[in-house]
Amino acid sequence: MKQIKAFIHRNRIADVVGALRGKGFNHLSIVDVKGMLEALDEKERDYSIELGIEAIIEVKLELICEDHCIEEVVAIIREKARTGQSNAGWIYVFDVKQAFPIE
């Protein structure tokens, strides 16, 4: 199993989630985070007092999938999160050694 984390612009998350859910990937976590992606416009620009620098609110998307699904998930995220910028976000893939249900 793999854990996929993607950091993308907030205005792209609805399309990404819709496409993933449409392909059966329903166990998603979505969290707003402060990040360093280049702002798409002035509305995205913000100054973080905690960090002491300009930052934007971006989205961290997390999901777990089987190894054979990685290429499909990454392709969906790359297509739907695209903004036209050269750096519209990042996708990371991690090994999951064990998973246990909470019952």
PDB file of N, CA and C in Angstrom:
ATOM      1  N   MET A   1       0.837  -1.180   0.000  1.00  0.00           N
ATOM      2  CA  MET A   1       0.000   0.000   0.000  1.00  0.00           C
ATOM      3  C   MET A   1       0.880   1.241   0.000  1.00  0.00           C
ATOM      4  N   LYS A   2       0.307   2.329  -0.499  1.00  0.00           N
ATOM      5  CA  LYS A   2       1.028   3.593  -0.568  1.00  0.00           C
ATOM      6  C   LYS A   2       0.168   4.712   0.018  1.00  0.00           C
ATOM      7  N   GLN A   3       0.837   5.693   0.588  1.00  0.00           N
ATOM      8  CA  GLN A   3       0.186   6.927   0.993  1.00  0.00           C
ATOM      9  C   GLN A   3       0.612   7.992  -0.005  1.00  0.00           C
ATOM     10  N   ILE A   4      -0.356   8.718  -0.512  1.00  0.00           N
ATOM     11  CA  ILE A   4      -0.069   9.804  -1.437  1.00  0.00           C
ATOM     12  C   ILE A   4      -0.456  11.111  -0.759  1.00  0.00           C
ATOM     13  N   LYS A   5       0.467  12.058  -0.757  1.00  0.00           N
ATOM     14  CA  LYS A   5       0.207  13.406  -0.267  1.00  0.00           C
ATOM     15  C   LYS A   5       0.430  14.357  -1.427  1.00  0.00           C
ATOM     16  N   ALA A   6      -0.518  15.245  -1.613  1.00  0.00           N
ATOM     17  CA  ALA A   6      -0.390  16.240  -2.673  1.00  0.00           C
ATOM     18  C   ALA A   6      -0.661  17.615  -2.085  1.00  0.00           C
ATOM     19  N   PHE A   7       0.168  18.581  -2.458  1.00  0.00           N
ATOM     20  CA  PHE A   7      -0.002  19.966  -2.044  1.00  0.00           C
ATOM     21  C   PHE A   7      -0.376  20.762  -3.279  1.00  0.00           C
ATOM     22  N   ILE A   8      -1.594  21.309  -3.289  1.00  0.00           N
ATOM     23  CA  ILE A   8      -2.113  21.966  -4.482  1.00  0.00           C
ATOM     24  C   ILE A   8      -2.834  23.264  -4.109  1.00  0.00           C
ATOM     25  N   HIS A   9      -3.122  24.063  -5.121  1.00  0.00           N
ATOM     26  CA  HIS A   9      -3.864  25.301  -4.923  1.00  0.00           C
ATOM     27  C   HIS A   9      -5.308  24.988  -4.533  1.00  0.00           C
ATOM     28  N   ARG A  10      -5.849  25.815  -3.637  1.00  0.00           N
ATOM     29  CA  ARG A  10      -7.217  25.612  -3.135  1.00  0.00           C
ATOM     30  C   ARG A  10      -8.259  25.628  -4.247  1.00  0.00           C
ATOM     31  N   ASN A  11      -8.058  26.447  -5.251  1.00  0.00           N
ATOM     32  CA  ASN A  11      -9.078  26.548  -6.294  1.00  0.00           C
ATOM     33  C   ASN A  11      -9.120  25.329  -7.212  1.00  0.00           C
ATOM     34  N   ARG A  12      -8.237  24.379  -7.036  1.00  0.00           N
ATOM     35  CA  ARG A  12      -8.219  23.165  -7.866  1.00  0.00           C
ATOM     36  C   ARG A  12      -8.736  21.932  -7.110  1.00  0.00           C
ATOM     37  N   ILE A  13      -8.936  22.037  -5.792  1.00  0.00           N
ATOM     38  CA  ILE A  13      -9.241  20.845  -4.998  1.00  0.00           C
ATOM     39  C   ILE A  13     -10.575  20.206  -5.374  1.00  0.00           C
ATOM     40  N   ALA A  14     -11.594  20.980  -5.686  1.00  0.00           N
ATOM     41  CA  ALA A  14     -12.895  20.389  -6.017  1.00  0.00           C
ATOM     42  C   ALA A  14     -12.795  19.493  -7.243  1.00  0.00           C
ATOM     43  N   ASP A  15     -12.075  19.928  -8.268  1.00  0.00           N
ATOM     44  CA  ASP A  15     -11.911  19.106  -9.474  1.00  0.00           C
ATOM     45  C   ASP A  15     -11.111  17.846  -9.181  1.00  0.00           C
ATOM     46  N   VAL A  16     -10.074  17.976  -8.357  1.00  0.00           N
ATOM     47  CA  VAL A  16      -9.248  16.814  -8.013  1.00  0.00           C
ATOM     48  C   VAL A  16     -10.077  15.791  -7.241  1.00  0.00           C
ATOM     49  N   VAL A  17     -10.779  16.245  -6.211  1.00  0.00           N
ATOM     50  CA  VAL A  17     -11.590  15.336  -5.395  1.00  0.00           C
ATOM     51  C   VAL A  17     -12.689  14.697  -6.234  1.00  0.00           C
ATOM     52  N   GLY A  18     -13.362  15.473  -7.066  1.00  0.00           N
ATOM     53  CA  GLY A  18     -14.410  14.916  -7.921  1.00  0.00           C
ATOM     54  C   GLY A  18     -13.898  13.828  -8.842  1.00  0.00           C
ATOM     55  N   ALA A  19     -12.734  14.047  -9.433  1.00  0.00           N
ATOM     56  CA  ALA A  19     -12.156  13.047 -10.341  1.00  0.00           C
ATOM     57  C   ALA A  19     -11.714  11.798  -9.582  1.00  0.00           C
ATOM     58  N   LEU A  20     -11.107  11.977  -8.423  1.00  0.00           N
ATOM     59  CA  LEU A  20     -10.677  10.813  -7.631  1.00  0.00           C
ATOM     60  C   LEU A  20     -11.880   9.996  -7.162  1.00  0.00           C
ATOM     61  N   ARG A  21     -12.892  10.676  -6.651  1.00  0.00           N
ATOM     62  CA  ARG A  21     -14.086   9.958  -6.185  1.00  0.00           C
ATOM     63  C   ARG A  21     -14.801   9.272  -7.346  1.00  0.00           C
ATOM     64  N   GLY A  22     -14.767   9.886  -8.514  1.00  0.00           N
ATOM     65  CA  GLY A  22     -15.368   9.282  -9.691  1.00  0.00           C
ATOM     66  C   GLY A  22     -14.701   7.982 -10.104  1.00  0.00           C
ATOM     67  N   LYS A  23     -13.448   7.825  -9.716  1.00  0.00           N
ATOM     68  CA  LYS A  23     -12.707   6.583 -10.011  1.00  0.00           C
ATOM     69  C   LYS A  23     -12.691   5.633  -8.812  1.00  0.00           C
ATOM     70  N   GLY A  24     -13.465   5.955  -7.759  1.00  0.00           N
ATOM     71  CA  GLY A  24     -13.588   5.043  -6.622  1.00  0.00           C
ATOM     72  C   GLY A  24     -12.629   5.295  -5.473  1.00  0.00           C
ATOM     73  N   PHE A  25     -11.854   6.363  -5.539  1.00  0.00           N
ATOM     74  CA  PHE A  25     -10.948   6.699  -4.441  1.00  0.00           C
ATOM     75  C   PHE A  25     -11.700   7.625  -3.494  1.00  0.00           C
ATOM     76  N   ASN A  26     -12.292   7.030  -2.457  1.00  0.00           N
ATOM     77  CA  ASN A  26     -13.189   7.773  -1.583  1.00  0.00           C
ATOM     78  C   ASN A  26     -12.618   8.092  -0.205  1.00  0.00           C
ATOM     79  N   HIS A  27     -11.540   7.469   0.176  1.00  0.00           N
ATOM     80  CA  HIS A  27     -10.976   7.682   1.503  1.00  0.00           C
ATOM     81  C   HIS A  27      -9.903   8.761   1.409  1.00  0.00           C
ATOM     82  N   LEU A  28     -10.360  10.010   1.443  1.00  0.00           N
ATOM     83  CA  LEU A  28      -9.485  11.153   1.259  1.00  0.00           C
ATOM     84  C   LEU A  28      -9.482  12.009   2.517  1.00  0.00           C
ATOM     85  N   SER A  29      -8.360  12.635   2.792  1.00  0.00           N
ATOM     86  CA  SER A  29      -8.270  13.671   3.822  1.00  0.00           C
ATOM     87  C   SER A  29      -7.829  14.948   3.135  1.00  0.00           C
ATOM     88  N   ILE A  30      -8.475  16.047   3.495  1.00  0.00           N
ATOM     89  CA  ILE A  30      -8.177  17.331   2.874  1.00  0.00           C
ATOM     90  C   ILE A  30      -8.032  18.360   3.992  1.00  0.00           C
ATOM     91  N   VAL A  31      -6.875  19.035   4.007  1.00  0.00           N
ATOM     92  CA  VAL A  31      -6.579  19.989   5.068  1.00  0.00           C
ATOM     93  C   VAL A  31      -5.985  21.247   4.447  1.00  0.00           C
ATOM     94  N   ASP A  32      -6.459  22.400   4.902  1.00  0.00           N
ATOM     95  CA  ASP A  32      -5.828  23.659   4.509  1.00  0.00           C
ATOM     96  C   ASP A  32      -4.518  23.811   5.266  1.00  0.00           C
ATOM     97  N   VAL A  33      -3.463  24.192   4.555  1.00  0.00           N
ATOM     98  CA  VAL A  33      -2.144  24.402   5.164  1.00  0.00           C
ATOM     99  C   VAL A  33      -1.535  25.682   4.606  1.00  0.00           C
ATOM    100  N   LYS A  34      -0.612  26.273   5.351  1.00  0.00           N
ATOM    101  CA  LYS A  34       0.152  27.398   4.836  1.00  0.00           C
ATOM    102  C   LYS A  34       1.277  26.829   4.003  1.00  0.00           C
ATOM    103  N   GLY A  35       1.473  27.392   2.817  1.00  0.00           N
ATOM    104  CA  GLY A  35       2.492  26.854   1.935  1.00  0.00           C
ATOM    105  C   GLY A  35       3.199  27.931   1.142  1.00  0.00           C
ATOM    106  N   MET A  36       4.150  27.491   0.361  1.00  0.00           N
ATOM    107  CA  MET A  36       5.017  28.395  -0.381  1.00  0.00           C
ATOM    108  C   MET A  36       4.813  28.334  -1.883  1.00  0.00           C
ATOM    109  N   LEU A  37       3.696  27.751  -2.343  1.00  0.00           N
ATOM    110  CA  LEU A  37       3.436  27.772  -3.776  1.00  0.00           C
ATOM    111  C   LEU A  37       3.296  29.221  -4.224  1.00  0.00           C
ATOM    112  N   GLU A  38       3.621  29.459  -5.481  1.00  0.00           N
ATOM    113  CA  GLU A  38       3.467  30.810  -6.025  1.00  0.00           C
ATOM    114  C   GLU A  38       1.983  31.149  -6.122  1.00  0.00           C
ATOM    115  N   ALA A  39       1.619  32.301  -5.610  1.00  0.00           N
ATOM    116  CA  ALA A  39       0.220  32.718  -5.638  1.00  0.00           C
ATOM    117  C   ALA A  39      -0.255  32.874  -7.079  1.00  0.00           C
ATOM    118  N   LEU A  40      -1.478  32.448  -7.333  1.00  0.00           N
ATOM    119  CA  LEU A  40      -2.062  32.581  -8.663  1.00  0.00           C
ATOM    120  C   LEU A  40      -2.517  34.003  -8.936  1.00  0.00           C
ATOM    121  N   ASP A  41      -2.934  34.697  -7.885  1.00  0.00           N
ATOM    122  CA  ASP A  41      -3.382  36.083  -8.030  1.00  0.00           C
ATOM    123  C   ASP A  41      -3.264  36.777  -6.673  1.00  0.00           C
ATOM    124  N   GLU A  42      -3.641  38.037  -6.647  1.00  0.00           N
ATOM    125  CA  GLU A  42      -3.502  38.830  -5.419  1.00  0.00           C
ATOM    126  C   GLU A  42      -4.376  38.301  -4.286  1.00  0.00           C
ATOM    127  N   LYS A  43      -5.515  37.697  -4.612  1.00  0.00           N
ATOM    128  CA  LYS A  43      -6.407  37.171  -3.568  1.00  0.00           C
ATOM    129  C   LYS A  43      -5.752  36.043  -2.788  1.00  0.00           C
ATOM    130  N   GLU A  44      -4.838  35.309  -3.413  1.00  0.00           N
ATOM    131  CA  GLU A  44      -4.163  34.201  -2.735  1.00  0.00           C
ATOM    132  C   GLU A  44      -3.013  34.662  -1.844  1.00  0.00           C
ATOM    133  N   ARG A  45      -2.490  35.823  -2.103  1.00  0.00           N
ATOM    134  CA  ARG A  45      -1.337  36.315  -1.347  1.00  0.00           C
ATOM    135  C   ARG A  45      -1.731  36.629   0.092  1.00  0.00           C
ATOM    136  N   ASP A  46      -0.864  36.227   1.015  1.00  0.00           N
ATOM    137  CA  ASP A  46      -1.074  36.519   2.425  1.00  0.00           C
ATOM    138  C   ASP A  46       0.288  36.586   3.099  1.00  0.00           C
ATOM    139  N   TYR A  47       0.347  37.290   4.198  1.00  0.00           N
ATOM    140  CA  TYR A  47       1.589  37.363   4.961  1.00  0.00           C
ATOM    141  C   TYR A  47       1.368  36.589   6.248  1.00  0.00           C
ATOM    142  N   SER A  48       2.223  35.613   6.512  1.00  0.00           N
ATOM    143  CA  SER A  48       2.126  34.809   7.716  1.00  0.00           C
ATOM    144  C   SER A  48       2.959  35.451   8.818  1.00  0.00           C
ATOM    145  N   ILE A  49       2.290  35.926   9.850  1.00  0.00           N
ATOM    146  CA  ILE A  49       2.997  36.503  10.990  1.00  0.00           C
ATOM    147  C   ILE A  49       3.822  35.424  11.686  1.00  0.00           C
ATOM    148  N   GLU A  50       3.269  34.204  11.780  1.00  0.00           N
ATOM    149  CA  GLU A  50       3.987  33.100  12.443  1.00  0.00           C
ATOM    150  C   GLU A  50       5.291  32.758  11.725  1.00  0.00           C
ATOM    151  N   LEU A  51       5.253  32.766  10.403  1.00  0.00           N
ATOM    152  CA  LEU A  51       6.431  32.400   9.616  1.00  0.00           C
ATOM    153  C   LEU A  51       7.310  33.597   9.291  1.00  0.00           C
ATOM    154  N   GLY A  52       6.726  34.786   9.315  1.00  0.00           N
ATOM    155  CA  GLY A  52       7.481  35.986   8.981  1.00  0.00           C
ATOM    156  C   GLY A  52       7.741  36.158   7.489  1.00  0.00           C
ATOM    157  N   ILE A  53       6.928  35.503   6.656  1.00  0.00           N
ATOM    158  CA  ILE A  53       7.093  35.578   5.203  1.00  0.00           C
ATOM    159  C   ILE A  53       5.728  35.510   4.526  1.00  0.00           C
ATOM    160  N   GLU A  54       5.729  35.790   3.228  1.00  0.00           N
ATOM    161  CA  GLU A  54       4.514  35.617   2.449  1.00  0.00           C
ATOM    162  C   GLU A  54       4.249  34.126   2.265  1.00  0.00           C
ATOM    163  N   ALA A  55       3.001  33.741   2.447  1.00  0.00           N
ATOM    164  CA  ALA A  55       2.593  32.353   2.257  1.00  0.00           C
ATOM    165  C   ALA A  55       1.170  32.362   1.722  1.00  0.00           C
ATOM    166  N   ILE A  56       0.759  31.270   1.144  1.00  0.00           N
ATOM    167  CA  ILE A  56      -0.623  31.146   0.692  1.00  0.00           C
ATOM    168  C   ILE A  56      -1.267  29.988   1.452  1.00  0.00           C
ATOM    169  N   ILE A  57      -2.594  29.980   1.438  1.00  0.00           N
ATOM    170  CA  ILE A  57      -3.303  28.821   1.967  1.00  0.00           C
ATOM    171  C   ILE A  57      -3.455  27.857   0.791  1.00  0.00           C
ATOM    172  N   GLU A  58      -2.816  26.704   0.917  1.00  0.00           N
ATOM    173  CA  GLU A  58      -2.942  25.666  -0.098  1.00  0.00           C
ATOM    174  C   GLU A  58      -3.594  24.461   0.554  1.00  0.00           C
ATOM    175  N   VAL A  59      -3.823  23.423  -0.190  1.00  0.00           N
ATOM    176  CA  VAL A  59      -4.508  22.238   0.317  1.00  0.00           C
ATOM    177  C   VAL A  59      -3.560  21.055   0.314  1.00  0.00           C
ATOM    178  N   LYS A  60      -3.581  20.315   1.431  1.00  0.00           N
ATOM    179  CA  LYS A  60      -2.876  19.030   1.484  1.00  0.00           C
ATOM    180  C   LYS A  60      -3.929  17.941   1.352  1.00  0.00           C
ATOM    181  N   LEU A  61      -3.809  17.154   0.308  1.00  0.00           N
ATOM    182  CA  LEU A  61      -4.691  16.026   0.043  1.00  0.00           C
ATOM    183  C   LEU A  61      -3.927  14.757   0.381  1.00  0.00           C
ATOM    184  N   GLU A  62      -4.545  13.872   1.159  1.00  0.00           N
ATOM    185  CA  GLU A  62      -3.905  12.597   1.494  1.00  0.00           C
ATOM    186  C   GLU A  62      -4.861  11.454   1.180  1.00  0.00           C
ATOM    187  N   LEU A  63      -4.300  10.366   0.669  1.00  0.00           N
ATOM    188  CA  LEU A  63      -5.077   9.153   0.472  1.00  0.00           C
ATOM    189  C   LEU A  63      -4.164   7.941   0.492  1.00  0.00           C
ATOM    190  N   ILE A  64      -4.768   6.810   0.778  1.00  0.00           N
ATOM    191  CA  ILE A  64      -4.070   5.527   0.777  1.00  0.00           C
ATOM    192  C   ILE A  64      -4.618   4.714  -0.391  1.00  0.00           C
ATOM    193  N   CYS A  65      -3.723   4.054  -1.126  1.00  0.00           N
ATOM    194  CA  CYS A  65      -4.179   3.216  -2.235  1.00  0.00           C
ATOM    195  C   CYS A  65      -3.253   2.014  -2.388  1.00  0.00           C
ATOM    196  N   GLU A  66      -3.709   1.074  -3.130  1.00  0.00           N
ATOM    197  CA  GLU A  66      -2.893  -0.101  -3.448  1.00  0.00           C
ATOM    198  C   GLU A  66      -1.788   0.304  -4.419  1.00  0.00           C
ATOM    199  N   ASP A  67      -0.700  -0.440  -4.408  1.00  0.00           N
ATOM    200  CA  ASP A  67       0.459  -0.109  -5.242  1.00  0.00           C
ATOM    201  C   ASP A  67       0.097   0.034  -6.723  1.00  0.00           C
ATOM    202  N   HIS A  68      -0.799  -0.829  -7.211  1.00  0.00           N
ATOM    203  CA  HIS A  68      -1.126  -0.810  -8.638  1.00  0.00           C
ATOM    204  C   HIS A  68      -1.957   0.421  -9.043  1.00  0.00           C
ATOM    205  N   CYS A  69      -2.421   1.210  -8.078  1.00  0.00           N
ATOM    206  CA  CYS A  69      -3.242   2.391  -8.375  1.00  0.00           C
ATOM    207  C   CYS A  69      -2.444   3.691  -8.412  1.00  0.00           C
ATOM    208  N   ILE A  70      -1.170   3.637  -8.071  1.00  0.00           N
ATOM    209  CA  ILE A  70      -0.383   4.868  -7.930  1.00  0.00           C
ATOM    210  C   ILE A  70      -0.368   5.692  -9.213  1.00  0.00           C
ATOM    211  N   GLU A  71      -0.057   5.068 -10.327  1.00  0.00           N
ATOM    212  CA  GLU A  71       0.028   5.815 -11.588  1.00  0.00           C
ATOM    213  C   GLU A  71      -1.293   6.505 -11.920  1.00  0.00           C
ATOM    214  N   GLU A  72      -2.410   5.822 -11.694  1.00  0.00           N
ATOM    215  CA  GLU A  72      -3.722   6.397 -11.980  1.00  0.00           C
ATOM    216  C   GLU A  72      -3.998   7.595 -11.070  1.00  0.00           C
ATOM    217  N   VAL A  73      -3.741   7.450  -9.774  1.00  0.00           N
ATOM    218  CA  VAL A  73      -3.994   8.538  -8.825  1.00  0.00           C
ATOM    219  C   VAL A  73      -3.114   9.742  -9.145  1.00  0.00           C
ATOM    220  N   VAL A  74      -1.835   9.506  -9.371  1.00  0.00           N
ATOM    221  CA  VAL A  74      -0.923  10.609  -9.685  1.00  0.00           C
ATOM    222  C   VAL A  74      -1.349  11.308 -10.974  1.00  0.00           C
ATOM    223  N   ALA A  75      -1.747  10.551 -11.972  1.00  0.00           N
ATOM    224  CA  ALA A  75      -2.183  11.151 -13.240  1.00  0.00           C
ATOM    225  C   ALA A  75      -3.427  12.027 -13.042  1.00  0.00           C
ATOM    226  N   ILE A  76      -4.374  11.552 -12.249  1.00  0.00           N
ATOM    227  CA  ILE A  76      -5.585  12.339 -11.977  1.00  0.00           C
ATOM    228  C   ILE A  76      -5.223  13.641 -11.279  1.00  0.00           C
ATOM    229  N   ILE A  77      -4.401  13.555 -10.244  1.00  0.00           N
ATOM    230  CA  ILE A  77      -4.026  14.764  -9.499  1.00  0.00           C
ATOM    231  C   ILE A  77      -3.275  15.727 -10.402  1.00  0.00           C
ATOM    232  N   ARG A  78      -2.323  15.225 -11.171  1.00  0.00           N
ATOM    233  CA  ARG A  78      -1.539  16.116 -12.049  1.00  0.00           C
ATOM    234  C   ARG A  78      -2.422  16.804 -13.075  1.00  0.00           C
ATOM    235  N   GLU A  79      -3.380  16.085 -13.626  1.00  0.00           N
ATOM    236  CA  GLU A  79      -4.256  16.680 -14.629  1.00  0.00           C
ATOM    237  C   GLU A  79      -5.198  17.708 -14.008  1.00  0.00           C
ATOM    238  N   LYS A  80      -5.860  17.342 -12.935  1.00  0.00           N
ATOM    239  CA  LYS A  80      -6.906  18.194 -12.359  1.00  0.00           C
ATOM    240  C   LYS A  80      -6.356  19.329 -11.500  1.00  0.00           C
ATOM    241  N   ALA A  81      -5.139  19.222 -11.002  1.00  0.00           N
ATOM    242  CA  ALA A  81      -4.551  20.284 -10.172  1.00  0.00           C
ATOM    243  C   ALA A  81      -3.777  21.298 -11.007  1.00  0.00           C
ATOM    244  N   ARG A  82      -3.672  21.053 -12.283  1.00  0.00           N
ATOM    245  CA  ARG A  82      -2.897  21.928 -13.177  1.00  0.00           C
ATOM    246  C   ARG A  82      -3.441  23.353 -13.144  1.00  0.00           C
ATOM    247  N   THR A  83      -2.525  24.325 -13.066  1.00  0.00           N
ATOM    248  CA  THR A  83      -2.911  25.742 -13.055  1.00  0.00           C
ATOM    249  C   THR A  83      -2.322  26.507 -14.226  1.00  0.00           C
ATOM    250  N   GLY A  84      -1.391  25.910 -14.958  1.00  0.00           N
ATOM    251  CA  GLY A  84      -0.695  26.612 -16.020  1.00  0.00           C
ATOM    252  C   GLY A  84       0.651  27.152 -15.578  1.00  0.00           C
ATOM    253  N   GLN A  85       0.917  27.110 -14.277  1.00  0.00           N
ATOM    254  CA  GLN A  85       2.218  27.520 -13.759  1.00  0.00           C
ATOM    255  C   GLN A  85       3.205  26.362 -13.892  1.00  0.00           C
ATOM    256  N   SER A  86       4.491  26.702 -13.865  1.00  0.00           N
ATOM    257  CA  SER A  86       5.496  25.642 -13.921  1.00  0.00           C
ATOM    258  C   SER A  86       5.579  24.876 -12.597  1.00  0.00           C
ATOM    259  N   ASN A  87       5.149  25.484 -11.492  1.00  0.00           N
ATOM    260  CA  ASN A  87       5.154  24.825 -10.196  1.00  0.00           C
ATOM    261  C   ASN A  87       3.793  25.018  -9.544  1.00  0.00           C
ATOM    262  N   ALA A  88       2.843  24.145  -9.881  1.00  0.00           N
ATOM    263  CA  ALA A  88       1.478  24.253  -9.366  1.00  0.00           C
ATOM    264  C   ALA A  88       1.253  23.358  -8.153  1.00  0.00           C
ATOM    265  N   GLY A  89       2.289  22.725  -7.644  1.00  0.00           N
ATOM    266  CA  GLY A  89       2.146  21.862  -6.472  1.00  0.00           C
ATOM    267  C   GLY A  89       3.091  20.673  -6.550  1.00  0.00           C
ATOM    268  N   TRP A  90       2.936  19.795  -5.563  1.00  0.00           N
ATOM    269  CA  TRP A  90       3.802  18.618  -5.461  1.00  0.00           C
ATOM    270  C   TRP A  90       2.998  17.414  -5.035  1.00  0.00           C
ATOM    271  N   ILE A  91       3.430  16.242  -5.506  1.00  0.00           N
ATOM    272  CA  ILE A  91       2.826  14.967  -5.109  1.00  0.00           C
ATOM    273  C   ILE A  91       3.947  14.094  -4.551  1.00  0.00           C
ATOM    274  N   TYR A  92       3.688  13.504  -3.389  1.00  0.00           N
ATOM    275  CA  TYR A  92       4.662  12.621  -2.744  1.00  0.00           C
ATOM    276  C   TYR A  92       4.016  11.261  -2.530  1.00  0.00           C
ATOM    277  N   VAL A  93       4.800  10.195  -2.661  1.00  0.00           N
ATOM    278  CA  VAL A  93       4.322   8.839  -2.474  1.00  0.00           C
ATOM    279  C   VAL A  93       5.188   8.166  -1.420  1.00  0.00           C
ATOM    280  N   PHE A  94       4.524   7.581  -0.415  1.00  0.00           N
ATOM    281  CA  PHE A  94       5.205   6.927   0.700  1.00  0.00           C
ATOM    282  C   PHE A  94       4.729   5.482   0.830  1.00  0.00           C
ATOM    283  N   ASP A  95       5.613   4.614   1.300  1.00  0.00           N
ATOM    284  CA  ASP A  95       5.229   3.239   1.609  1.00  0.00           C
ATOM    285  C   ASP A  95       4.426   3.203   2.906  1.00  0.00           C
ATOM    286  N   VAL A  96       3.381   2.367   2.924  1.00  0.00           N
ATOM    287  CA  VAL A  96       2.619   2.099   4.139  1.00  0.00           C
ATOM    288  C   VAL A  96       2.950   0.669   4.534  1.00  0.00           C
ATOM    289  N   LYS A  97       3.585   0.504   5.657  1.00  0.00           N
ATOM    290  CA  LYS A  97       4.001  -0.834   6.078  1.00  0.00           C
ATOM    291  C   LYS A  97       2.859  -1.623   6.695  1.00  0.00           C
ATOM    292  N   GLN A  98       1.987  -0.956   7.442  1.00  0.00           N
ATOM    293  CA  GLN A  98       0.859  -1.630   8.056  1.00  0.00           C
ATOM    294  C   GLN A  98      -0.309  -0.664   8.131  1.00  0.00           C
ATOM    295  N   ALA A  99      -1.510  -1.224   8.150  1.00  0.00           N
ATOM    296  CA  ALA A  99      -2.731  -0.435   8.334  1.00  0.00           C
ATOM    297  C   ALA A  99      -3.692  -1.255   9.182  1.00  0.00           C
ATOM    298  N   PHE A 100      -4.335  -0.622  10.138  1.00  0.00           N
ATOM    299  CA  PHE A 100      -5.235  -1.300  11.044  1.00  0.00           C
ATOM    300  C   PHE A 100      -6.557  -0.552  11.105  1.00  0.00           C
ATOM    301  N   PRO A 101      -7.670  -1.263  10.994  1.00  0.00           N
ATOM    302  CA  PRO A 101      -8.965  -0.594  11.094  1.00  0.00           C
ATOM    303  C   PRO A 101      -9.262  -0.208  12.553  1.00  0.00           C
ATOM    304  N   ILE A 102     -10.040   0.835  12.704  1.00  0.00           N
ATOM    305  CA  ILE A 102     -10.544   1.209  14.013  1.00  0.00           C
ATOM    306  C   ILE A 102     -11.968   0.720  14.078  1.00  0.00           C
ATOM    307  N   GLU A 103     -12.246  -0.144  15.010  1.00  0.00           N
ATOM    308  CA  GLU A 103     -13.580  -0.758  15.081  1.00  0.00           C
ATOM    309  C   GLU A 103     -14.312  -0.340  16.326  1.00  0.00           C
TER     310      GLU A 103
END
